[in-house]
Amino acid sequence: MRGPGRIEASRAAGERAAAQVAQEAAPHTRARADGGDERADGEHVRIGILGGTFNPPHVGHIALARRAREELGLERVLLMPAYRAPNKRSEHDDPGPEHRLQMCRLAVVDAPGVQVSAMEIERGGVSYTVDSLQAIHDGDPELELTLIVGADAARTLAGWREPARVLG
C-alpha cells in the first residue's frame, strides 16, 4: 500500500498502539479530566521504549530493559521490534517480523515490568524510531517517554531519521 491509504493505516496502527500503552498503564494510573493518565500519586506515567530488530532477543536486551526500569523509575519498558530496520540490510537469517515479535514475547515472560509492543510490526514497512515515538505521544501526550538504546545504537544516532526530534 502506498500514498494516503498507507499513511492512514500507519496512523491507525500508531493510535491503537498508543491506546494499548495507555490501557496497560491503567492499573497504576487514574484518568484525568483532560483524558491523560497520571499515577495515583499525581505523577505522569513514565514508559521506556527499547526498539531494535531483536534477531534474536537475548538476555542482554532483557537485562538492559530491567536495569533501565529500575534505575530510571519507569512504570514499564516496552520492547518494540522493528518490522524492518532502516539501518540494516536484509538479513538472510531473519525469521521475519512476526517470529521476532513472538520471540520477544517469550523473552519477557519472566521479566516483570517489561512488555512487548507490536506497533512497528503492525505498521509494516521501514520502522523509524521518530515515527513510533510520535505515534505513542499522539495517542497519549501525557505519557513521559524515555528512549533506551545500547551503546551500538547510540553511536549511530546522528544518522537516524530526525535525530533532534527523537531526542526531544
C-alpha atoms as a PDB file:
ATOM      1  CA  MET A   1       0.000   0.000   0.000  1.00  0.00           C
ATOM      2  CA  ARG A   2       1.358   3.437  -0.891  1.00  0.00           C
ATOM      3  CA  GLY A   3       0.208   7.011  -0.603  1.00  0.00           C
ATOM      4  CA  PRO A   4      -2.527   8.405   1.637  1.00  0.00           C
ATOM      5  CA  GLY A   5      -4.007   4.994   2.444  1.00  0.00           C
ATOM      6  CA  ARG A   6      -0.640   3.847   3.815  1.00  0.00           C
ATOM      7  CA  ILE A   7      -0.326   6.985   5.938  1.00  0.00           C
ATOM      8  CA  GLU A   8      -3.797   6.465   7.406  1.00  0.00           C
ATOM      9  CA  ALA A   9      -3.004   2.799   8.125  1.00  0.00           C
ATOM     10  CA  SER A  10       0.192   3.874   9.891  1.00  0.00           C
ATOM     11  CA  ARG A  11      -1.691   6.458  11.942  1.00  0.00           C
ATOM     12  CA  ALA A  12      -4.338   3.895  12.886  1.00  0.00           C
ATOM     13  CA  ALA A  13      -1.685   1.384  13.962  1.00  0.00           C
ATOM     14  CA  GLY A  14       0.064   4.080  15.986  1.00  0.00           C
ATOM     15  CA  GLU A  15      -3.167   5.145  17.646  1.00  0.00           C
ATOM     16  CA  ARG A  16      -4.010   1.516  18.520  1.00  0.00           C
ATOM     17  CA  ALA A  17      -0.547   1.008  19.989  1.00  0.00           C
ATOM     18  CA  ALA A  18      -0.714   4.231  21.983  1.00  0.00           C
ATOM     19  CA  ALA A  19      -4.126   3.269  23.315  1.00  0.00           C
ATOM     20  CA  GLN A  20      -2.720  -0.116  24.287  1.00  0.00           C
ATOM     21  CA  VAL A  21       0.242   1.523  26.049  1.00  0.00           C
ATOM     22  CA  ALA A  22      -2.129   3.808  27.967  1.00  0.00           C
ATOM     23  CA  GLN A  23      -4.516   0.963  28.784  1.00  0.00           C
ATOM     24  CA  GLU A  24      -1.699  -1.214  30.098  1.00  0.00           C
ATOM     25  CA  ALA A  25      -0.799   1.597  32.480  1.00  0.00           C
ATOM     26  CA  ALA A  26      -4.361   1.672  33.810  1.00  0.00           C
ATOM     27  CA  PRO A  27      -3.814  -0.496  36.917  1.00  0.00           C
ATOM     28  CA  HIS A  28      -1.290   2.058  38.174  1.00  0.00           C
ATOM     29  CA  THR A  29      -2.981   5.204  36.945  1.00  0.00           C
ATOM     30  CA  ARG A  30      -6.174   7.178  37.054  1.00  0.00           C
ATOM     31  CA  ALA A  31      -7.727   9.109  34.208  1.00  0.00           C
ATOM     32  CA  ARG A  32      -7.517  12.888  34.386  1.00  0.00           C
ATOM     33  CA  ALA A  33     -10.273  15.217  33.263  1.00  0.00           C
ATOM     34  CA  ASP A  34      -8.362  16.059  30.053  1.00  0.00           C
ATOM     35  CA  GLY A  35      -8.012  12.367  29.146  1.00  0.00           C
ATOM     36  CA  GLY A  36      -4.342  11.956  30.106  1.00  0.00           C
ATOM     37  CA  ASP A  37      -3.111   9.433  32.632  1.00  0.00           C
ATOM     38  CA  GLU A  38      -1.459  10.072  35.960  1.00  0.00           C
ATOM     39  CA  ARG A  39      -0.134   7.724  38.559  1.00  0.00           C
ATOM     40  CA  ALA A  40      -2.214   7.569  41.684  1.00  0.00           C
ATOM     41  CA  ASP A  41       0.330   9.885  43.337  1.00  0.00           C
ATOM     42  CA  GLY A  42      -0.220  12.579  40.674  1.00  0.00           C
ATOM     43  CA  GLU A  43       2.905  11.964  38.575  1.00  0.00           C
ATOM     44  CA  HIS A  44       2.758  11.197  34.861  1.00  0.00           C
ATOM     45  CA  VAL A  45       3.242   7.621  33.722  1.00  0.00           C
ATOM     46  CA  ARG A  46       6.868   7.066  32.674  1.00  0.00           C
ATOM     47  CA  ILE A  47       7.425   4.480  29.936  1.00  0.00           C
ATOM     48  CA  GLY A  48      10.717   3.243  28.500  1.00  0.00           C
ATOM     49  CA  ILE A  49      10.966   2.275  24.825  1.00  0.00           C
ATOM     50  CA  LEU A  50      13.651  -0.193  23.716  1.00  0.00           C
ATOM     51  CA  GLY A  51      13.484  -0.798  19.990  1.00  0.00           C
ATOM     52  CA  GLY A  52      15.521  -2.908  17.637  1.00  0.00           C
ATOM     53  CA  THR A  53      15.403  -5.859  15.316  1.00  0.00           C
ATOM     54  CA  PHE A  54      15.702  -8.342  18.193  1.00  0.00           C
ATOM     55  CA  ASN A  55      17.108 -11.045  15.937  1.00  0.00           C
ATOM     56  CA  PRO A  56      17.087 -12.738  18.317  1.00  0.00           C
ATOM     57  CA  PRO A  57      16.092 -11.076  21.559  1.00  0.00           C
ATOM     58  CA  HIS A  58      18.611 -12.100  24.196  1.00  0.00           C
ATOM     59  CA  VAL A  59      19.424 -11.839  27.864  1.00  0.00           C
ATOM     60  CA  GLY A  60      21.320  -8.575  27.259  1.00  0.00           C
ATOM     61  CA  HIS A  61      18.183  -6.887  25.903  1.00  0.00           C
ATOM     62  CA  ILE A  62      16.142  -8.022  28.891  1.00  0.00           C
ATOM     63  CA  ALA A  63      18.870  -7.031  31.368  1.00  0.00           C
ATOM     64  CA  LEU A  64      19.072  -3.550  29.792  1.00  0.00           C
ATOM     65  CA  ALA A  65      15.280  -3.158  29.950  1.00  0.00           C
ATOM     66  CA  ARG A  66      15.089  -4.279  33.580  1.00  0.00           C
ATOM     67  CA  ARG A  67      18.001  -2.117  34.687  1.00  0.00           C
ATOM     68  CA  ALA A  68      16.638   0.947  32.899  1.00  0.00           C
ATOM     69  CA  ARG A  69      13.243   0.407  34.516  1.00  0.00           C
ATOM     70  CA  GLU A  70      14.769   0.213  37.977  1.00  0.00           C
ATOM     71  CA  GLU A  71      17.359   2.980  37.617  1.00  0.00           C
ATOM     72  CA  LEU A  72      15.060   5.460  35.843  1.00  0.00           C
ATOM     73  CA  GLY A  73      11.918   4.753  37.860  1.00  0.00           C
ATOM     74  CA  LEU A  74       9.913   3.705  34.815  1.00  0.00           C
ATOM     75  CA  GLU A  75       6.452   2.214  35.138  1.00  0.00           C
ATOM     76  CA  ARG A  76       7.449  -0.311  32.482  1.00  0.00           C
ATOM     77  CA  VAL A  77       9.691  -0.817  29.485  1.00  0.00           C
ATOM     78  CA  LEU A  78       8.343  -1.783  26.079  1.00  0.00           C
ATOM     79  CA  LEU A  79      10.415  -3.893  23.727  1.00  0.00           C
ATOM     80  CA  MET A  80       9.454  -2.711  20.251  1.00  0.00           C
ATOM     81  CA  PRO A  81      10.709  -4.984  17.480  1.00  0.00           C
ATOM     82  CA  ALA A  82      11.120  -3.300  14.117  1.00  0.00           C
ATOM     83  CA  TYR A  83       9.269  -4.554  11.089  1.00  0.00           C
ATOM     84  CA  ARG A  84      12.291  -3.599   9.003  1.00  0.00           C
ATOM     85  CA  ALA A  85      15.193  -1.643  10.441  1.00  0.00           C
ATOM     86  CA  PRO A  86      16.289   1.243   8.211  1.00  0.00           C
ATOM     87  CA  ASN A  87      19.974   0.828   9.043  1.00  0.00           C
ATOM     88  CA  LYS A  88      20.282  -2.908   8.452  1.00  0.00           C
ATOM     89  CA  ARG A  89      20.456  -4.739   5.209  1.00  0.00           C
ATOM     90  CA  SER A  90      18.178  -7.681   4.659  1.00  0.00           C
ATOM     91  CA  GLU A  91      19.420 -10.417   6.929  1.00  0.00           C
ATOM     92  CA  HIS A  92      19.480 -13.905   5.433  1.00  0.00           C
ATOM     93  CA  ASP A  93      18.902 -15.413   8.851  1.00  0.00           C
ATOM     94  CA  ASP A  94      15.927 -13.175   9.710  1.00  0.00           C
ATOM     95  CA  PRO A  95      12.959 -15.405  10.572  1.00  0.00           C
ATOM     96  CA  GLY A  96      10.643 -12.479   9.802  1.00  0.00           C
ATOM     97  CA  PRO A  97       8.988  -9.792  11.893  1.00  0.00           C
ATOM     98  CA  GLU A  98       6.164 -11.954  13.281  1.00  0.00           C
ATOM     99  CA  HIS A  99       8.627 -14.576  14.546  1.00  0.00           C
ATOM    100  CA  ARG A 100      10.870 -11.922  16.107  1.00  0.00           C
ATOM    101  CA  LEU A 101       7.786 -10.447  17.792  1.00  0.00           C
ATOM    102  CA  GLN A 102       6.855 -13.841  19.212  1.00  0.00           C
ATOM    103  CA  MET A 103      10.442 -14.417  20.412  1.00  0.00           C
ATOM    104  CA  CYS A 104      10.283 -11.064  22.227  1.00  0.00           C
ATOM    105  CA  ARG A 105       7.016 -12.080  23.878  1.00  0.00           C
ATOM    106  CA  LEU A 106       8.600 -15.305  25.086  1.00  0.00           C
ATOM    107  CA  ALA A 107      11.717 -13.468  26.291  1.00  0.00           C
ATOM    108  CA  VAL A 108       9.767 -11.168  28.628  1.00  0.00           C
ATOM    109  CA  VAL A 109       7.550 -13.811  30.241  1.00  0.00           C
ATOM    110  CA  ASP A 110       9.620 -13.760  33.441  1.00  0.00           C
ATOM    111  CA  ALA A 111      10.539 -10.066  33.302  1.00  0.00           C
ATOM    112  CA  PRO A 112       8.080  -8.057  35.417  1.00  0.00           C
ATOM    113  CA  GLY A 113       7.599  -4.549  34.101  1.00  0.00           C
ATOM    114  CA  VAL A 114       8.926  -5.446  30.651  1.00  0.00           C
ATOM    115  CA  GLN A 115       6.345  -5.836  27.890  1.00  0.00           C
ATOM    116  CA  VAL A 116       6.305  -6.092  24.106  1.00  0.00           C
ATOM    117  CA  SER A 117       4.715  -3.657  21.672  1.00  0.00           C
ATOM    118  CA  ALA A 118       3.668  -4.885  18.222  1.00  0.00           C
ATOM    119  CA  MET A 119       3.209  -1.332  16.920  1.00  0.00           C
ATOM    120  CA  GLU A 120       6.024  -1.352  14.347  1.00  0.00           C
ATOM    121  CA  ILE A 121       5.190  -4.883  13.198  1.00  0.00           C
ATOM    122  CA  GLU A 122       1.540  -3.929  12.696  1.00  0.00           C
ATOM    123  CA  ARG A 123       2.507  -0.735  10.878  1.00  0.00           C
ATOM    124  CA  GLY A 124       4.815  -2.607   8.492  1.00  0.00           C
ATOM    125  CA  GLY A 125       7.427  -1.052   6.234  1.00  0.00           C
ATOM    126  CA  VAL A 126      10.624   0.570   7.436  1.00  0.00           C
ATOM    127  CA  SER A 127      10.492   1.250  11.182  1.00  0.00           C
ATOM    128  CA  TYR A 128      11.695   4.697  12.173  1.00  0.00           C
ATOM    129  CA  THR A 129      12.001   5.443  15.881  1.00  0.00           C
ATOM    130  CA  VAL A 130      10.810   9.022  15.410  1.00  0.00           C
ATOM    131  CA  ASP A 131       7.543   7.787  13.854  1.00  0.00           C
ATOM    132  CA  SER A 132       6.903   5.330  16.674  1.00  0.00           C
ATOM    133  CA  LEU A 133       7.616   7.843  19.420  1.00  0.00           C
ATOM    134  CA  GLN A 134       5.370  10.390  17.686  1.00  0.00           C
ATOM    135  CA  ALA A 135       2.539   7.851  17.357  1.00  0.00           C
ATOM    136  CA  ILE A 136       2.717   6.973  21.044  1.00  0.00           C
ATOM    137  CA  HIS A 137       2.849  10.650  22.000  1.00  0.00           C
ATOM    138  CA  ASP A 138      -0.093  11.471  19.724  1.00  0.00           C
ATOM    139  CA  GLY A 139      -2.129   8.707  21.356  1.00  0.00           C
ATOM    140  CA  ASP A 140      -1.397   9.968  24.868  1.00  0.00           C
ATOM    141  CA  PRO A 141       0.618  13.194  25.140  1.00  0.00           C
ATOM    142  CA  GLU A 142       0.770  12.849  28.925  1.00  0.00           C
ATOM    143  CA  LEU A 143       2.916   9.704  28.837  1.00  0.00           C
ATOM    144  CA  GLU A 144       6.529  10.516  29.631  1.00  0.00           C
ATOM    145  CA  LEU A 145       8.632   8.543  27.154  1.00  0.00           C
ATOM    146  CA  THR A 146      12.231   7.504  27.687  1.00  0.00           C
ATOM    147  CA  LEU A 147      14.133   6.058  24.745  1.00  0.00           C
ATOM    148  CA  ILE A 148      16.537   3.315  25.780  1.00  0.00           C
ATOM    149  CA  VAL A 149      19.407   2.467  23.442  1.00  0.00           C
ATOM    150  CA  GLY A 150      22.521   0.384  23.698  1.00  0.00           C
ATOM    151  CA  ALA A 151      25.983   1.773  23.037  1.00  0.00           C
ATOM    152  CA  ASP A 152      25.961   0.397  19.482  1.00  0.00           C
ATOM    153  CA  ALA A 153      22.776   2.311  18.622  1.00  0.00           C
ATOM    154  CA  ALA A 154      23.854   5.451  20.493  1.00  0.00           C
ATOM    155  CA  ARG A 155      26.948   5.707  18.269  1.00  0.00           C
ATOM    156  CA  THR A 156      24.736   5.839  15.164  1.00  0.00           C
ATOM    157  CA  LEU A 157      22.062   8.231  16.479  1.00  0.00           C
ATOM    158  CA  ALA A 158      23.246  11.162  14.377  1.00  0.00           C
ATOM    159  CA  GLY A 159      22.413   9.131  11.250  1.00  0.00           C
ATOM    160  CA  TRP A 160      18.860   8.284  12.313  1.00  0.00           C
ATOM    161  CA  ARG A 161      15.829   9.912  10.759  1.00  0.00           C
ATOM    162  CA  GLU A 162      15.238  13.253  12.514  1.00  0.00           C
ATOM    163  CA  PRO A 163      17.618  12.650  15.435  1.00  0.00           C
ATOM    164  CA  ALA A 164      16.794  16.000  17.075  1.00  0.00           C
ATOM    165  CA  ARG A 165      13.094  15.076  17.227  1.00  0.00           C
ATOM    166  CA  VAL A 166      13.973  11.639  18.601  1.00  0.00           C
ATOM    167  CA  LEU A 167      15.927  13.270  21.421  1.00  0.00           C
ATOM    168  CA  GLY A 168      13.167  15.817  22.012  1.00  0.00           C
END
